[in-house]
Amino acid sequence: MIVTVTVNAALDRTLTVPNFQAGFRHRASESLTLPGGKGVNIARALKALGQPVIATGLAGGKTGTRIVEDLTAEGILNDFVRIREESRTSTAIIDPTSNLQTEVNEYGPVVSARELHAFMEKFAYIAKGADVVILAGSLPRKVKDSFYRDLITALNSTEALVVLDAAGESLRLAIKAGPGLVSPNAFEAEALIGHEFGDDDDFRQATLQLNRLGAGSGIIHHSAGCYAYLEDGGHAAYYKVQIPPLDPISTVGSGDAFLAGYVSAGLSGKSPGDCLRYGVACGAANTQKYGAGVFDPHEVKRLLSKTKVEEREA
């Protein structure tokens, strides 16, 4: 069983607006509304890949009610703690004429200490016996940056693989607790390491630095593939995975689909390199659909044949 944690769940709206310009009135030609937040998106992708998954986190107000009801309607097993304040709404505006994407994300609700304690009790129960626990996304207001660090510390006494997908101060603190895997995008990794990456060697050294900061393995994903430093059974290696450029319909959630694909392939017993290839193919397939964590499995298979991996001993 895989458990995904989304403490800042959202209702994600994707609007297609041709010739979008700030300051003008527009009509959307298409719209899609789905439950969101990184952990929710990952759970959706894992379900599409046939993996047993349960999504948990915090959900509040009428928006929170819709998040839970829509997840249930999608057939995604979920168990969220209800909170008083309203869960956030995030909006992505896609302009198909310019291929530009504009995102507006609310901060999210203020969470009380009592509500957070109720979540910790539920999480301790749900996480028992989990094979993988994925902690993903931003934190709501009034939740300390050390929140993920504390969860990872509590999980270190279990057999679960702990996967972290966070950014900023919460990532900096949590990586020190020793998650099994961290998977930032290039921008998030640059902010953590403290400099921009210019070439392959910069990316390779950055993935190793993620390990030295505390993670068992590190993956940095980007639009054309990923770089990774993976430790597997005492064997350590660097990887570079590439996929030919695609014309994206929407890039929202492609990193979440990538992580779901990687984890799913690992549970299926694939080699580290093949896990990365599969993750990249899932992330790329996500860019061909509207909706985070939404893709066609047949498209994943087609793109997998175009995805190349290079491995180098660490």
Protein backbone atom coordinates (compact mmCIF):
# COMPACT_ATOMS: atom_id res chain seq x y z
CA MET A 1 0.00 0.00 0.00
CA ILE A 2 1.13 3.52 -0.84
CA VAL A 3 0.08 6.47 1.32
CA THR A 4 0.18 10.01 -0.05
CA VAL A 5 0.01 13.01 2.29
CA THR A 6 -1.47 16.35 1.14
CA VAL A 7 -1.85 18.75 4.04
CA ASN A 8 -2.60 21.68 1.72
CA ALA A 9 -5.16 20.05 -0.56
CA ALA A 10 -6.78 22.16 -3.25
CA LEU A 11 -9.50 22.31 -5.83
CA ASP A 12 -7.59 22.74 -9.08
CA ARG A 13 -9.25 24.61 -11.96
CA THR A 14 -7.73 24.51 -15.43
CA LEU A 15 -9.09 27.07 -17.89
CA THR A 16 -8.28 27.10 -21.61
CA VAL A 17 -8.26 30.74 -22.76
CA PRO A 18 -7.09 31.41 -26.33
CA ASN A 19 -5.17 34.69 -26.79
CA PHE A 20 -5.11 35.33 -23.05
CA GLN A 21 -4.00 38.84 -22.05
CA ALA A 22 -3.90 40.36 -18.58
CA GLY A 23 -6.32 43.23 -18.12
CA PHE A 24 -8.91 42.03 -20.65
CA ARG A 25 -12.17 40.11 -20.37
CA HIS A 26 -12.03 36.56 -21.75
CA ARG A 27 -14.21 33.50 -22.12
CA ALA A 28 -12.72 30.10 -21.43
CA SER A 29 -13.17 27.64 -24.28
CA GLU A 30 -12.69 24.67 -21.93
CA SER A 31 -12.53 24.12 -18.18
CA LEU A 32 -11.65 21.23 -15.88
CA THR A 33 -11.92 21.06 -12.10
CA LEU A 34 -10.24 18.27 -10.12
CA PRO A 35 -9.14 17.68 -6.53
CA GLY A 36 -5.49 18.66 -6.29
CA GLY A 37 -2.40 19.28 -4.24
CA LYS A 38 0.75 17.32 -5.06
CA GLY A 39 -0.07 14.24 -2.96
CA VAL A 40 -3.57 14.04 -4.44
CA ASN A 41 -2.16 14.34 -7.97
CA ILE A 42 0.33 11.56 -7.24
CA ALA A 43 -2.45 9.36 -5.85
CA ARG A 44 -4.50 9.89 -9.04
CA ALA A 45 -1.54 8.88 -11.21
CA LEU A 46 -0.77 5.84 -9.03
CA LYS A 47 -4.37 4.66 -9.31
CA ALA A 48 -4.17 5.00 -13.10
CA LEU A 49 -1.08 2.78 -12.95
CA GLY A 50 -2.94 0.13 -10.97
CA GLN A 51 -1.20 0.69 -7.63
CA PRO A 52 -3.07 0.44 -4.30
CA VAL A 53 -3.01 3.93 -2.79
CA ILE A 54 -4.75 5.92 -0.09
CA ALA A 55 -4.70 9.72 -0.02
CA THR A 56 -4.79 11.51 3.32
CA GLY A 57 -4.30 15.06 4.54
CA LEU A 58 -6.41 18.05 5.57
CA ALA A 59 -9.58 19.32 3.90
CA GLY A 60 -11.80 22.17 5.07
CA GLY A 61 -15.07 23.94 4.36
CA LYS A 62 -17.25 23.45 1.29
CA THR A 63 -14.16 23.25 -0.90
CA GLY A 64 -12.81 20.47 1.29
CA THR A 65 -16.12 18.62 1.07
CA ARG A 66 -15.96 18.77 -2.72
CA ILE A 67 -12.34 17.57 -2.72
CA VAL A 68 -13.27 14.49 -0.70
CA GLU A 69 -16.47 13.80 -2.67
CA ASP A 70 -14.73 14.17 -6.04
CA LEU A 71 -11.84 11.93 -4.97
CA THR A 72 -14.36 9.29 -3.95
CA ALA A 73 -16.14 9.68 -7.29
CA GLU A 74 -12.80 9.07 -9.03
CA GLY A 75 -12.42 5.84 -7.09
CA ILE A 76 -9.39 7.09 -5.15
CA LEU A 77 -9.39 5.72 -1.60
CA ASN A 78 -9.07 8.64 0.81
CA ASP A 79 -9.24 9.50 4.50
CA PHE A 80 -8.85 13.24 5.19
CA VAL A 81 -9.11 15.08 8.50
CA ARG A 82 -11.75 17.82 8.24
CA ILE A 83 -10.70 21.29 9.38
CA ARG A 84 -12.69 24.47 10.00
CA GLU A 85 -11.17 26.88 7.47
CA GLU A 86 -11.72 26.63 3.73
CA SER A 87 -9.30 24.61 1.60
CA ARG A 88 -7.65 26.55 -1.19
CA THR A 89 -8.48 26.81 -4.87
CA SER A 90 -5.74 26.91 -7.51
CA THR A 91 -6.26 28.15 -11.06
CA ALA A 92 -4.18 27.44 -14.17
CA ILE A 93 -4.88 29.43 -17.33
CA ILE A 94 -3.66 27.71 -20.51
CA ASP A 95 -3.32 29.76 -23.70
CA PRO A 96 -3.11 27.27 -26.60
CA THR A 97 -2.23 29.99 -29.10
CA SER A 98 0.95 31.11 -27.31
CA ASN A 99 1.54 27.85 -25.41
CA LEU A 100 1.91 29.89 -22.21
CA GLN A 101 0.61 28.84 -18.82
CA THR A 102 -0.36 31.14 -15.93
CA GLU A 103 -0.96 29.78 -12.44
CA VAL A 104 -2.60 31.44 -9.44
CA ASN A 105 -2.36 29.42 -6.22
CA GLU A 106 -3.98 30.43 -2.94
CA TYR A 107 -1.97 30.05 0.27
CA GLY A 108 -4.48 27.77 1.93
CA PRO A 109 -6.23 27.68 5.32
CA VAL A 110 -4.90 28.38 8.78
CA VAL A 111 -4.68 25.07 10.62
CA SER A 112 -5.08 24.92 14.39
CA ALA A 113 -2.88 22.86 16.71
CA ARG A 114 -5.88 20.70 17.58
CA GLU A 115 -6.61 19.95 13.91
CA LEU A 116 -2.96 19.13 13.27
CA HIS A 117 -2.91 16.77 16.26
CA ALA A 118 -5.98 14.98 14.89
CA PHE A 119 -4.18 14.50 11.58
CA MET A 120 -1.07 13.12 13.31
CA GLU A 121 -3.20 10.53 15.08
CA LYS A 122 -4.91 9.50 11.84
CA PHE A 123 -1.63 9.41 9.94
CA ALA A 124 -0.01 7.16 12.54
CA TYR A 125 -2.84 4.68 12.01
CA ILE A 126 -2.97 4.87 8.20
CA ALA A 127 0.81 4.61 7.76
CA LYS A 128 1.04 1.32 9.66
CA GLY A 129 2.20 -1.35 7.24
CA ALA A 130 2.60 1.05 4.31
CA ASP A 131 5.23 0.11 1.75
CA VAL A 132 5.72 3.71 0.58
CA VAL A 133 4.74 7.02 2.19
CA ILE A 134 4.88 10.10 -0.06
CA LEU A 135 4.96 13.53 1.60
CA ALA A 136 4.27 16.13 -1.04
CA GLY A 137 3.41 19.76 -1.57
CA SER A 138 3.24 23.03 0.31
CA LEU A 139 2.20 23.52 3.92
CA PRO A 140 -0.88 25.47 5.04
CA ARG A 141 -0.54 28.60 7.14
CA LYS A 142 0.38 28.14 10.81
CA VAL A 143 1.96 24.75 10.08
CA LYS A 144 5.64 24.86 11.03
CA ASP A 145 8.29 24.33 8.38
CA SER A 146 9.54 21.39 10.48
CA PHE A 147 6.30 19.45 9.86
CA TYR A 148 7.69 17.09 7.20
CA ARG A 149 10.88 16.61 9.21
CA ASP A 150 8.82 15.46 12.19
CA LEU A 151 6.79 13.04 10.05
CA ILE A 152 9.94 11.55 8.53
CA THR A 153 11.51 11.13 11.98
CA ALA A 154 8.40 9.25 13.13
CA LEU A 155 8.50 7.05 10.02
CA ASN A 156 12.18 6.14 10.37
CA SER A 157 11.25 3.36 12.80
CA THR A 158 9.08 1.69 10.12
CA GLU A 159 9.99 -0.30 7.01
CA ALA A 160 8.30 2.18 4.66
CA LEU A 161 10.18 3.98 1.91
CA VAL A 162 9.69 7.67 2.67
CA VAL A 163 9.52 9.90 -0.41
CA LEU A 164 9.67 13.68 -0.07
CA ASP A 165 8.56 16.20 -2.70
CA ALA A 166 8.71 19.64 -1.10
CA ALA A 167 10.40 23.00 -1.57
CA GLY A 168 11.95 25.85 0.35
CA GLU A 169 12.50 25.74 4.09
CA SER A 170 10.34 22.65 4.63
CA LEU A 171 12.58 20.73 2.19
CA ARG A 172 15.78 22.05 3.79
CA LEU A 173 14.69 20.91 7.24
CA ALA A 174 13.08 17.62 6.20
CA ILE A 175 15.99 16.30 4.13
CA LYS A 176 18.12 16.23 7.30
CA ALA A 177 15.74 13.63 8.79
CA GLY A 178 16.85 11.07 6.19
CA PRO A 179 14.01 10.40 3.71
CA GLY A 180 14.67 7.49 1.38
CA LEU A 181 14.15 9.68 -1.69
CA VAL A 182 13.78 13.37 -2.46
CA SER A 183 12.54 14.57 -5.84
CA PRO A 184 12.63 18.35 -6.39
CA ASN A 185 12.41 20.03 -9.76
CA ALA A 186 15.43 21.91 -11.08
CA PHE A 187 14.34 25.29 -9.67
CA GLU A 188 13.66 23.83 -6.21
CA ALA A 189 16.99 21.99 -6.23
CA GLU A 190 18.91 25.12 -7.23
CA ALA A 191 17.32 27.02 -4.34
CA LEU A 192 18.30 24.25 -1.91
CA ILE A 193 21.88 23.77 -3.18
CA GLY A 194 22.44 27.51 -3.52
CA HIS A 195 23.45 27.99 -7.16
CA GLU A 196 22.18 27.53 -10.71
CA PHE A 197 22.99 24.38 -12.69
CA GLY A 198 24.62 24.90 -16.06
CA ASP A 199 25.63 21.48 -17.36
CA ASP A 200 25.35 17.73 -16.79
CA ASP A 201 28.07 17.71 -14.16
CA ASP A 202 26.29 20.43 -12.15
CA PHE A 203 23.14 18.31 -12.09
CA ARG A 204 25.03 15.12 -11.18
CA GLN A 205 26.84 16.84 -8.33
CA ALA A 206 23.54 18.33 -7.15
CA THR A 207 21.90 14.90 -6.95
CA LEU A 208 24.88 13.67 -4.91
CA GLN A 209 24.56 16.74 -2.69
CA LEU A 210 20.96 15.76 -1.96
CA ASN A 211 22.35 12.49 -0.63
CA ARG A 212 24.99 14.24 1.45
CA LEU A 213 22.34 16.49 2.95
CA GLY A 214 20.52 13.41 4.23
CA ALA A 215 18.44 11.74 1.52
CA GLY A 216 19.07 8.13 0.56
CA SER A 217 18.63 8.96 -3.12
CA GLY A 218 18.02 12.17 -5.05
CA ILE A 219 16.24 12.86 -8.33
CA ILE A 220 16.04 16.26 -10.04
CA HIS A 221 13.37 16.29 -12.75
CA HIS A 222 12.94 18.83 -15.52
CA SER A 223 10.96 19.23 -18.74
CA ALA A 224 13.27 17.04 -20.85
CA GLY A 225 13.90 14.23 -18.36
CA CYS A 226 15.77 13.91 -15.08
CA TYR A 227 19.09 13.45 -13.33
CA ALA A 228 19.47 11.08 -10.39
CA TYR A 229 21.83 9.68 -7.81
CA LEU A 230 20.36 6.39 -6.63
CA GLU A 231 21.55 3.98 -3.97
CA ASP A 232 20.20 0.46 -4.37
CA GLY A 233 21.40 -2.48 -2.28
CA GLY A 234 24.82 -0.97 -1.68
CA HIS A 235 25.23 0.02 -5.34
CA ALA A 236 25.31 3.74 -6.15
CA ALA A 237 25.15 5.31 -9.62
CA TYR A 238 24.36 8.52 -11.46
CA TYR A 239 21.67 8.57 -14.12
CA LYS A 240 20.64 10.94 -16.87
CA VAL A 241 17.31 10.32 -18.59
CA GLN A 242 16.18 12.17 -21.71
CA ILE A 243 13.04 12.26 -23.80
CA PRO A 244 12.56 14.10 -27.13
CA PRO A 245 10.78 17.47 -26.86
CA LEU A 246 6.97 17.41 -26.93
CA ASP A 247 4.46 20.17 -27.57
CA PRO A 248 2.73 20.31 -24.18
CA ILE A 249 -0.99 20.86 -23.74
CA SER A 250 -0.49 21.51 -20.02
CA THR A 251 2.49 20.97 -17.74
CA VAL A 252 0.43 21.09 -14.52
CA GLY A 253 1.18 17.98 -12.48
CA SER A 254 3.85 16.52 -14.78
CA GLY A 255 6.31 16.29 -11.88
CA ASP A 256 3.67 14.48 -9.82
CA ALA A 257 3.05 11.99 -12.64
CA PHE A 258 6.81 11.48 -12.92
CA LEU A 259 7.12 10.59 -9.23
CA ALA A 260 4.10 8.27 -9.39
CA GLY A 261 5.60 6.46 -12.38
CA TYR A 262 8.97 6.08 -10.67
CA VAL A 263 7.46 4.70 -7.46
CA SER A 264 5.09 2.39 -9.35
CA ALA A 265 7.93 0.92 -11.42
CA GLY A 266 10.00 0.38 -8.29
CA LEU A 267 7.20 -1.58 -6.62
CA SER A 268 6.95 -3.68 -9.78
CA GLY A 269 10.59 -4.71 -9.39
CA LYS A 270 12.09 -2.77 -12.29
CA SER A 271 15.75 -1.73 -12.32
CA PRO A 272 16.64 1.81 -11.14
CA GLY A 273 17.27 3.00 -14.70
CA ASP A 274 13.98 1.58 -15.95
CA CYS A 275 12.16 3.18 -13.01
CA LEU A 276 13.51 6.56 -14.05
CA ARG A 277 12.58 5.96 -17.69
CA TYR A 278 9.07 5.00 -16.69
CA GLY A 279 8.72 8.08 -14.49
CA VAL A 280 9.88 10.38 -17.29
CA ALA A 281 7.43 8.74 -19.72
CA CYS A 282 4.55 9.24 -17.25
CA GLY A 283 5.51 12.88 -16.70
CA ALA A 284 5.68 13.48 -20.45
CA ALA A 285 2.33 11.76 -21.04
CA ASN A 286 0.80 14.06 -18.41
CA THR A 287 1.74 17.08 -20.55
CA GLN A 288 -0.51 15.75 -23.32
CA LYS A 289 -3.69 16.01 -21.21
CA TYR A 290 -5.46 18.59 -19.11
CA GLY A 291 -5.43 17.74 -15.42
CA ALA A 292 -2.66 16.93 -12.94
CA GLY A 293 -1.86 13.23 -12.74
CA VAL A 294 -4.02 12.57 -15.82
CA PHE A 295 -2.52 10.60 -18.70
CA ASP A 296 -3.19 7.81 -21.17
CA PRO A 297 -1.34 4.58 -20.21
CA HIS A 298 -1.00 3.77 -23.91
CA GLU A 299 0.76 7.11 -24.41
CA VAL A 300 3.12 6.21 -21.56
CA LYS A 301 4.04 2.98 -23.34
CA ARG A 302 4.65 4.84 -26.61
CA LEU A 303 6.82 7.48 -24.96
CA LEU A 304 8.75 4.88 -22.97
CA SER A 305 10.25 3.56 -26.20
CA LYS A 306 11.62 7.06 -26.91
CA THR A 307 13.10 7.57 -23.43
CA LYS A 308 16.83 6.97 -23.08
CA VAL A 309 18.88 6.47 -19.91
CA GLU A 310 22.61 6.85 -19.29
CA GLU A 311 24.15 5.24 -16.20
CA ARG A 312 27.53 6.05 -14.67
CA GLU A 313 29.13 4.51 -11.60
CA ALA A 314 29.27 6.85 -8.62
